[in-house]
């Protein structure tokens, strides 16, 4: 049975599995000061259809999995 979409306002640490539908409102890439070309992570501001927001982070270990798949303004 497919998961129902959980609104951002109902997300909490008790949920072990959930499905969200959000738009990427903003993306920030960050790096070490001495290595400006090496991205060490990405932060995202995500917004659902009700306007509720949440921040998410993708650390360096998972960057290759998501690189090229995330774009500002696109619903995921």
C-alpha atoms as a PDB file:
ATOM      1  CA  UNK A   1       0.000   0.000   0.000  1.00  0.00           C
ATOM      2  CA  UNK A   2       1.504   3.376  -0.999  1.00  0.00           C
ATOM      3  CA  UNK A   3       2.301   5.899   1.714  1.00  0.00           C
ATOM      4  CA  UNK A   4       0.083   8.943   2.118  1.00  0.00           C
ATOM      5  CA  UNK A   5       1.798  12.313   1.760  1.00  0.00           C
ATOM      6  CA  UNK A   6       2.664  13.750   5.182  1.00  0.00           C
ATOM      7  CA  UNK A   7       2.439  17.563   5.434  1.00  0.00           C
ATOM      8  CA  UNK A   8       5.576  19.316   6.682  1.00  0.00           C
ATOM      9  CA  UNK A   9       3.610  20.585   9.705  1.00  0.00           C
ATOM     10  CA  UNK A  10       3.073  16.964  10.834  1.00  0.00           C
ATOM     11  CA  UNK A  11       6.680  15.799  10.554  1.00  0.00           C
ATOM     12  CA  UNK A  12       8.258  14.756  13.847  1.00  0.00           C
ATOM     13  CA  UNK A  13      10.981  12.496  15.190  1.00  0.00           C
ATOM     14  CA  UNK A  14       8.471   9.713  15.949  1.00  0.00           C
ATOM     15  CA  UNK A  15       7.883   9.034  12.236  1.00  0.00           C
ATOM     16  CA  UNK A  16      10.085   6.201  11.012  1.00  0.00           C
ATOM     17  CA  UNK A  17       8.841   6.306   7.414  1.00  0.00           C
ATOM     18  CA  UNK A  18       6.958   9.017   5.606  1.00  0.00           C
ATOM     19  CA  UNK A  19       6.432  10.567   2.195  1.00  0.00           C
ATOM     20  CA  UNK A  20       6.514  14.327   1.613  1.00  0.00           C
ATOM     21  CA  UNK A  21       5.858  16.431  -1.462  1.00  0.00           C
ATOM     22  CA  UNK A  22       7.795  19.684  -1.370  1.00  0.00           C
ATOM     23  CA  UNK A  23       9.212  22.384  -3.613  1.00  0.00           C
ATOM     24  CA  UNK A  24      12.863  23.296  -3.270  1.00  0.00           C
ATOM     25  CA  UNK A  25      12.730  26.999  -2.450  1.00  0.00           C
ATOM     26  CA  UNK A  26      16.463  27.509  -1.919  1.00  0.00           C
ATOM     27  CA  UNK A  27      19.698  25.524  -2.231  1.00  0.00           C
ATOM     28  CA  UNK A  28      23.015  26.369  -0.542  1.00  0.00           C
ATOM     29  CA  UNK A  29      26.237  24.504  -1.251  1.00  0.00           C
ATOM     30  CA  UNK A  30      29.032  24.798   1.277  1.00  0.00           C
ATOM     31  CA  UNK A  31      32.714  23.941   1.372  1.00  0.00           C
ATOM     32  CA  UNK A  32      35.815  24.229   3.522  1.00  0.00           C
ATOM     33  CA  UNK A  33      37.482  27.652   3.513  1.00  0.00           C
ATOM     34  CA  UNK A  34      40.738  26.337   2.100  1.00  0.00           C
ATOM     35  CA  UNK A  35      39.016  24.244  -0.634  1.00  0.00           C
ATOM     36  CA  UNK A  36      36.355  26.409  -2.310  1.00  0.00           C
ATOM     37  CA  UNK A  37      35.816  24.000  -5.227  1.00  0.00           C
ATOM     38  CA  UNK A  38      35.156  20.932  -3.055  1.00  0.00           C
ATOM     39  CA  UNK A  39      31.495  20.940  -1.993  1.00  0.00           C
ATOM     40  CA  UNK A  40      31.141  19.276   1.404  1.00  0.00           C
ATOM     41  CA  UNK A  41      27.366  19.487   1.690  1.00  0.00           C
ATOM     42  CA  UNK A  42      24.131  21.069   0.534  1.00  0.00           C
ATOM     43  CA  UNK A  43      21.379  22.698   2.584  1.00  0.00           C
ATOM     44  CA  UNK A  44      17.842  23.014   1.220  1.00  0.00           C
ATOM     45  CA  UNK A  45      14.804  25.039   2.184  1.00  0.00           C
ATOM     46  CA  UNK A  46      11.741  22.915   1.351  1.00  0.00           C
ATOM     47  CA  UNK A  47       8.139  24.203   1.141  1.00  0.00           C
ATOM     48  CA  UNK A  48       4.962  22.106   0.905  1.00  0.00           C
ATOM     49  CA  UNK A  49       1.691  23.071  -0.822  1.00  0.00           C
ATOM     50  CA  UNK A  50       0.400  24.702   2.399  1.00  0.00           C
ATOM     51  CA  UNK A  51       3.450  26.969   2.642  1.00  0.00           C
ATOM     52  CA  UNK A  52       4.992  25.160   5.612  1.00  0.00           C
ATOM     53  CA  UNK A  53       8.784  25.058   5.479  1.00  0.00           C
ATOM     54  CA  UNK A  54      11.561  22.803   6.672  1.00  0.00           C
ATOM     55  CA  UNK A  55      15.316  22.841   6.219  1.00  0.00           C
ATOM     56  CA  UNK A  56      17.159  19.738   5.043  1.00  0.00           C
ATOM     57  CA  UNK A  57      20.842  18.885   4.691  1.00  0.00           C
ATOM     58  CA  UNK A  58      22.696  16.515   2.406  1.00  0.00           C
ATOM     59  CA  UNK A  59      26.157  15.655   3.680  1.00  0.00           C
ATOM     60  CA  UNK A  60      29.153  14.790   1.528  1.00  0.00           C
ATOM     61  CA  UNK A  61      28.600  11.007   1.735  1.00  0.00           C
ATOM     62  CA  UNK A  62      25.263  11.305  -0.142  1.00  0.00           C
ATOM     63  CA  UNK A  63      26.077  14.140  -2.559  1.00  0.00           C
ATOM     64  CA  UNK A  64      26.670  11.869  -5.553  1.00  0.00           C
ATOM     65  CA  UNK A  65      23.254  10.247  -5.061  1.00  0.00           C
ATOM     66  CA  UNK A  66      21.442  13.604  -5.323  1.00  0.00           C
ATOM     67  CA  UNK A  67      23.780  15.694  -7.493  1.00  0.00           C
ATOM     68  CA  UNK A  68      22.033  16.875 -10.650  1.00  0.00           C
ATOM     69  CA  UNK A  69      18.595  15.818  -9.356  1.00  0.00           C
ATOM     70  CA  UNK A  70      17.822  18.856  -7.186  1.00  0.00           C
ATOM     71  CA  UNK A  71      16.760  22.184  -8.647  1.00  0.00           C
ATOM     72  CA  UNK A  72      15.283  25.282  -7.023  1.00  0.00           C
ATOM     73  CA  UNK A  73      11.600  25.803  -7.788  1.00  0.00           C
ATOM     74  CA  UNK A  74      10.967  22.146  -8.647  1.00  0.00           C
ATOM     75  CA  UNK A  75       8.595  19.946  -6.614  1.00  0.00           C
ATOM     76  CA  UNK A  76      10.136  16.681  -5.443  1.00  0.00           C
END
